[in-house]
């Protein structure tokens, strides 16, 4: 599901934290119980994998989307390169930071 996340709230559960995800156009929130997913979600455009089989709709996976075209890049008019502004949010969870650095290294290798 392609969705605009407008607000994410972290809540304290009985055993672990969970996140209440407010999505534009949806009356009821969606919940994230996986810390990796919950901590990564910030307001913006996301491709969300939602599990609706249980009592609460749950975000099982989330991927930020750069444009309304989903995983396809936005179509630009004209030729050549253009500047792109990227807003980056990093959680300082050591494992998440190591994964981010690995992904960044891969991206930089493909650019050179």
N, C-alpha and C. Protein backbone atom coordinates (compact mmCIF):
# COMPACT_ATOMS: atom_id res chain seq x y z
N UNK A 1 0.85 -1.17 0.00
CA UNK A 1 0.00 0.00 0.00
C UNK A 1 0.90 1.23 0.00
N UNK A 2 0.65 2.14 -0.92
CA UNK A 2 1.37 3.40 -0.97
C UNK A 2 0.62 4.36 -0.06
N UNK A 3 1.30 4.92 0.94
CA UNK A 3 0.61 5.74 1.94
C UNK A 3 1.48 6.90 2.40
N UNK A 4 0.80 7.99 2.76
CA UNK A 4 1.49 9.13 3.37
C UNK A 4 1.33 9.03 4.87
N UNK A 5 2.45 8.80 5.55
CA UNK A 5 2.45 8.76 7.01
C UNK A 5 2.48 10.20 7.49
N UNK A 6 1.50 10.56 8.33
CA UNK A 6 1.44 11.94 8.80
C UNK A 6 1.96 12.09 10.23
N UNK A 7 1.90 10.99 11.01
CA UNK A 7 2.34 11.08 12.41
C UNK A 7 2.66 9.68 12.91
N UNK A 8 3.72 9.56 13.71
CA UNK A 8 4.09 8.28 14.31
C UNK A 8 4.31 8.53 15.81
N UNK A 9 3.61 7.74 16.64
CA UNK A 9 3.73 7.88 18.09
C UNK A 9 4.29 6.59 18.68
N UNK A 10 5.34 6.71 19.50
CA UNK A 10 5.86 5.54 20.20
C UNK A 10 5.13 5.41 21.53
N UNK A 11 4.68 4.20 21.82
CA UNK A 11 3.94 3.92 23.06
C UNK A 11 4.65 2.81 23.81
N UNK A 12 4.47 2.80 25.12
CA UNK A 12 5.05 1.75 25.95
C UNK A 12 4.05 0.61 26.09
N UNK A 13 4.42 -0.57 25.61
CA UNK A 13 3.58 -1.75 25.75
C UNK A 13 3.95 -2.48 27.03
N UNK A 14 3.26 -3.57 27.31
CA UNK A 14 3.54 -4.34 28.51
C UNK A 14 4.93 -4.96 28.48
N UNK A 15 5.33 -5.46 27.32
CA UNK A 15 6.64 -6.10 27.21
C UNK A 15 7.64 -5.32 26.37
N UNK A 16 7.13 -4.54 25.44
CA UNK A 16 8.02 -3.81 24.52
C UNK A 16 7.27 -2.61 23.96
N UNK A 17 7.99 -1.65 23.42
CA UNK A 17 7.31 -0.50 22.82
C UNK A 17 6.61 -0.90 21.53
N UNK A 18 5.64 -0.09 21.12
CA UNK A 18 5.00 -0.24 19.83
C UNK A 18 4.75 1.15 19.29
N UNK A 19 4.40 1.23 18.00
CA UNK A 19 4.24 2.52 17.35
C UNK A 19 2.85 2.61 16.74
N UNK A 20 2.21 3.77 16.94
CA UNK A 20 0.91 4.06 16.35
C UNK A 20 1.18 4.92 15.13
N UNK A 21 0.79 4.42 13.96
CA UNK A 21 1.11 5.09 12.69
C UNK A 21 -0.18 5.68 12.12
N UNK A 22 -0.20 6.99 11.98
CA UNK A 22 -1.36 7.68 11.42
C UNK A 22 -1.10 7.93 9.94
N UNK A 23 -2.01 7.44 9.11
CA UNK A 23 -1.86 7.51 7.66
C UNK A 23 -2.94 8.42 7.09
N UNK A 24 -2.54 9.28 6.17
CA UNK A 24 -3.48 10.21 5.52
C UNK A 24 -4.60 9.43 4.84
N UNK A 25 -5.84 9.85 5.09
CA UNK A 25 -6.98 9.23 4.46
C UNK A 25 -7.53 8.02 5.19
N UNK A 26 -6.88 7.58 6.25
CA UNK A 26 -7.35 6.43 7.03
C UNK A 26 -7.93 6.93 8.35
N UNK A 27 -9.11 6.46 8.71
CA UNK A 27 -9.72 6.87 9.98
C UNK A 27 -8.98 6.32 11.18
N UNK A 28 -8.65 5.03 11.10
CA UNK A 28 -7.99 4.37 12.23
C UNK A 28 -6.50 4.23 11.96
N UNK A 29 -5.70 4.26 13.03
CA UNK A 29 -4.25 4.12 12.83
C UNK A 29 -3.87 2.67 12.52
N UNK A 30 -2.64 2.52 12.08
CA UNK A 30 -2.03 1.22 11.85
C UNK A 30 -0.94 1.09 12.90
N UNK A 31 -0.62 -0.12 13.32
CA UNK A 31 0.33 -0.32 14.40
C UNK A 31 1.60 -1.00 13.88
N UNK A 32 2.72 -0.64 14.48
CA UNK A 32 4.00 -1.29 14.18
C UNK A 32 4.52 -1.89 15.48
N UNK A 33 4.73 -3.18 15.48
CA UNK A 33 5.23 -3.86 16.67
C UNK A 33 6.70 -4.27 16.53
N UNK A 34 7.22 -4.24 15.31
CA UNK A 34 8.62 -4.55 15.06
C UNK A 34 9.44 -3.27 15.29
N UNK A 35 10.40 -3.30 16.24
CA UNK A 35 11.18 -2.08 16.54
C UNK A 35 11.91 -1.52 15.32
N UNK A 36 12.42 -2.37 14.44
CA UNK A 36 13.12 -1.86 13.25
C UNK A 36 12.18 -1.05 12.38
N UNK A 37 10.95 -1.53 12.22
CA UNK A 37 9.97 -0.83 11.40
C UNK A 37 9.50 0.43 12.11
N UNK A 38 9.12 0.30 13.37
CA UNK A 38 8.59 1.44 14.12
C UNK A 38 9.55 2.59 14.24
N UNK A 39 10.81 2.29 14.51
CA UNK A 39 11.82 3.36 14.68
C UNK A 39 12.16 4.03 13.36
N UNK A 40 11.99 3.32 12.25
CA UNK A 40 12.33 3.87 10.95
C UNK A 40 11.25 4.80 10.40
N UNK A 41 10.01 4.57 10.80
CA UNK A 41 8.91 5.35 10.23
C UNK A 41 8.92 6.81 10.70
N UNK A 42 8.84 7.69 9.75
CA UNK A 42 8.73 9.13 9.98
C UNK A 42 7.69 9.65 8.99
N UNK A 43 7.15 10.83 9.21
CA UNK A 43 6.19 11.37 8.24
C UNK A 43 6.79 11.43 6.83
N UNK A 44 5.97 11.06 5.87
CA UNK A 44 6.40 11.07 4.48
C UNK A 44 5.70 9.98 3.69
N UNK A 45 6.14 9.79 2.46
CA UNK A 45 5.54 8.81 1.56
C UNK A 45 6.24 7.47 1.73
N UNK A 46 5.45 6.42 1.97
CA UNK A 46 5.98 5.08 2.24
C UNK A 46 5.21 4.03 1.47
N UNK A 47 5.89 2.96 1.14
CA UNK A 47 5.23 1.75 0.65
C UNK A 47 5.16 0.84 1.87
N UNK A 48 3.93 0.56 2.34
CA UNK A 48 3.74 -0.21 3.56
C UNK A 48 3.17 -1.58 3.24
N UNK A 49 3.72 -2.60 3.87
CA UNK A 49 3.18 -3.95 3.79
C UNK A 49 2.34 -4.13 5.05
N UNK A 50 1.02 -4.21 4.90
CA UNK A 50 0.10 -4.23 6.03
C UNK A 50 -0.50 -5.63 6.20
N UNK A 51 -0.49 -6.12 7.43
CA UNK A 51 -1.14 -7.38 7.78
C UNK A 51 -2.45 -7.05 8.48
N UNK A 52 -3.56 -7.43 7.87
CA UNK A 52 -4.87 -7.13 8.45
C UNK A 52 -5.53 -8.37 9.04
N UNK A 53 -4.78 -9.45 9.20
CA UNK A 53 -5.38 -10.71 9.64
C UNK A 53 -5.69 -10.74 11.14
N UNK A 54 -5.05 -9.92 11.92
CA UNK A 54 -5.26 -9.94 13.37
C UNK A 54 -6.25 -8.90 13.85
N UNK A 55 -6.21 -8.67 15.14
CA UNK A 55 -7.10 -7.70 15.78
C UNK A 55 -6.82 -6.26 15.34
N UNK A 56 -5.53 -5.96 15.15
CA UNK A 56 -5.12 -4.62 14.72
C UNK A 56 -4.38 -4.74 13.39
N UNK A 57 -4.57 -3.77 12.47
CA UNK A 57 -3.74 -3.76 11.26
C UNK A 57 -2.30 -3.45 11.66
N UNK A 58 -1.36 -4.24 11.12
CA UNK A 58 0.05 -4.11 11.51
C UNK A 58 0.92 -3.84 10.29
N UNK A 59 1.89 -2.94 10.47
CA UNK A 59 2.90 -2.70 9.44
C UNK A 59 3.94 -3.81 9.59
N UNK A 60 4.06 -4.65 8.56
CA UNK A 60 5.04 -5.73 8.59
C UNK A 60 6.38 -5.29 7.99
N UNK A 61 6.31 -4.37 7.03
CA UNK A 61 7.51 -3.86 6.38
C UNK A 61 7.19 -2.47 5.82
N UNK A 62 8.21 -1.65 5.70
CA UNK A 62 8.02 -0.30 5.19
C UNK A 62 9.25 0.12 4.39
N UNK A 63 8.99 0.82 3.29
CA UNK A 63 10.07 1.31 2.45
C UNK A 63 9.75 2.73 2.05
N UNK A 64 10.66 3.68 2.30
CA UNK A 64 10.39 5.06 1.89
C UNK A 64 10.34 5.14 0.37
N UNK A 65 9.50 6.01 -0.12
CA UNK A 65 9.31 6.18 -1.56
C UNK A 65 9.69 7.60 -1.92
N UNK A 66 10.46 7.73 -3.00
CA UNK A 66 10.94 9.05 -3.41
C UNK A 66 9.92 9.84 -4.20
N UNK A 67 8.92 9.14 -4.79
CA UNK A 67 7.93 9.85 -5.61
C UNK A 67 6.61 9.12 -5.57
N UNK A 68 5.58 9.75 -6.10
CA UNK A 68 4.26 9.11 -6.15
C UNK A 68 4.23 7.98 -7.16
N UNK A 69 5.29 7.81 -7.94
CA UNK A 69 5.38 6.71 -8.90
C UNK A 69 5.85 5.42 -8.23
N UNK A 70 5.89 5.40 -6.90
CA UNK A 70 6.33 4.21 -6.17
C UNK A 70 7.82 4.02 -6.31
N UNK A 71 8.23 2.82 -6.68
CA UNK A 71 9.66 2.53 -6.76
C UNK A 71 10.31 3.11 -8.01
N UNK A 72 9.50 3.57 -8.95
CA UNK A 72 10.05 4.20 -10.15
C UNK A 72 10.47 5.64 -9.83
N UNK A 73 11.57 6.10 -10.40
CA UNK A 73 11.96 7.49 -10.15
C UNK A 73 10.96 8.47 -10.76
N UNK A 74 10.88 9.63 -10.18
CA UNK A 74 10.00 10.66 -10.72
C UNK A 74 10.49 11.06 -12.11
N UNK A 75 9.55 11.32 -12.99
CA UNK A 75 9.92 11.71 -14.35
C UNK A 75 10.26 13.20 -14.37
N UNK A 76 11.42 13.51 -14.87
CA UNK A 76 11.85 14.90 -14.97
C UNK A 76 11.80 15.34 -16.42
N UNK A 77 11.47 16.59 -16.64
CA UNK A 77 11.46 17.12 -18.00
C UNK A 77 12.87 17.57 -18.35
N UNK A 78 13.21 17.46 -19.61
CA UNK A 78 14.51 17.91 -20.06
C UNK A 78 15.57 16.82 -19.91
N UNK A 79 16.81 17.20 -20.16
CA UNK A 79 17.92 16.25 -20.11
C UNK A 79 18.90 16.64 -19.03
N UNK A 80 19.80 15.73 -18.73
CA UNK A 80 20.86 16.02 -17.77
C UNK A 80 20.46 15.70 -16.35
N UNK A 81 21.34 16.04 -15.44
CA UNK A 81 21.11 15.75 -14.03
C UNK A 81 20.43 16.94 -13.36
N UNK A 82 19.80 16.65 -12.23
CA UNK A 82 19.19 17.72 -11.45
C UNK A 82 19.46 17.47 -9.98
N UNK A 83 19.44 18.52 -9.21
CA UNK A 83 19.70 18.40 -7.78
C UNK A 83 18.52 17.74 -7.09
N UNK A 84 18.81 16.89 -6.12
CA UNK A 84 17.79 16.21 -5.34
C UNK A 84 18.10 16.45 -3.88
N UNK A 85 17.10 16.87 -3.12
CA UNK A 85 17.27 17.05 -1.68
C UNK A 85 16.80 15.78 -0.99
N UNK A 86 17.64 15.23 -0.13
CA UNK A 86 17.30 14.00 0.58
C UNK A 86 17.28 14.30 2.07
N UNK A 87 16.18 13.96 2.73
CA UNK A 87 16.08 14.10 4.17
C UNK A 87 16.35 12.73 4.76
N UNK A 88 17.33 12.65 5.64
CA UNK A 88 17.76 11.38 6.18
C UNK A 88 17.55 11.36 7.68
N UNK A 89 16.90 10.32 8.18
CA UNK A 89 16.70 10.13 9.61
C UNK A 89 17.39 8.83 9.99
N UNK A 90 18.32 8.90 10.93
CA UNK A 90 19.08 7.73 11.33
C UNK A 90 18.85 7.45 12.80
N UNK A 91 18.52 6.22 13.10
CA UNK A 91 18.41 5.78 14.49
C UNK A 91 19.78 5.30 14.91
N UNK A 92 20.20 5.64 16.09
CA UNK A 92 21.53 5.25 16.52
C UNK A 92 21.54 3.91 17.25
N UNK A 93 20.64 3.05 16.87
CA UNK A 93 20.69 1.65 17.28
C UNK A 93 21.94 1.08 16.58
N UNK A 94 22.89 0.50 17.30
CA UNK A 94 24.15 0.06 16.68
C UNK A 94 23.96 -0.86 15.47
N UNK A 95 23.03 -1.80 15.55
CA UNK A 95 22.81 -2.71 14.43
C UNK A 95 22.22 -1.96 13.23
N UNK A 96 21.26 -1.08 13.49
CA UNK A 96 20.66 -0.30 12.41
C UNK A 96 21.69 0.62 11.77
N UNK A 97 22.56 1.22 12.59
CA UNK A 97 23.60 2.10 12.07
C UNK A 97 24.57 1.32 11.18
N UNK A 98 24.95 0.12 11.60
CA UNK A 98 25.86 -0.71 10.80
C UNK A 98 25.21 -1.07 9.46
N UNK A 99 23.91 -1.39 9.47
CA UNK A 99 23.20 -1.71 8.24
C UNK A 99 23.15 -0.49 7.32
N UNK A 100 22.89 0.69 7.91
CA UNK A 100 22.84 1.92 7.13
C UNK A 100 24.18 2.21 6.48
N UNK A 101 25.26 2.07 7.22
CA UNK A 101 26.59 2.34 6.68
C UNK A 101 26.90 1.37 5.54
N UNK A 102 26.50 0.11 5.68
CA UNK A 102 26.70 -0.87 4.61
C UNK A 102 25.93 -0.49 3.36
N UNK A 103 24.68 -0.07 3.52
CA UNK A 103 23.87 0.34 2.37
C UNK A 103 24.44 1.59 1.71
N UNK A 104 24.88 2.55 2.54
CA UNK A 104 25.46 3.78 2.01
C UNK A 104 26.73 3.46 1.21
N UNK A 105 27.55 2.55 1.70
CA UNK A 105 28.77 2.16 0.99
C UNK A 105 28.43 1.56 -0.37
N UNK A 106 27.37 0.73 -0.43
CA UNK A 106 26.95 0.14 -1.70
C UNK A 106 26.50 1.22 -2.68
N UNK A 107 25.72 2.18 -2.20
CA UNK A 107 25.24 3.26 -3.05
C UNK A 107 26.41 4.07 -3.58
N UNK A 108 27.36 4.38 -2.73
CA UNK A 108 28.51 5.18 -3.15
C UNK A 108 29.36 4.42 -4.16
N UNK A 109 29.47 3.10 -4.03
CA UNK A 109 30.23 2.30 -5.01
C UNK A 109 29.59 2.37 -6.38
N UNK A 110 28.26 2.32 -6.43
CA UNK A 110 27.57 2.35 -7.73
C UNK A 110 27.65 3.72 -8.37
N UNK A 111 27.85 4.76 -7.58
CA UNK A 111 27.94 6.13 -8.11
C UNK A 111 29.31 6.43 -8.73
N UNK A 112 30.36 5.70 -8.29
CA UNK A 112 31.71 6.04 -8.77
C UNK A 112 32.12 5.26 -9.99
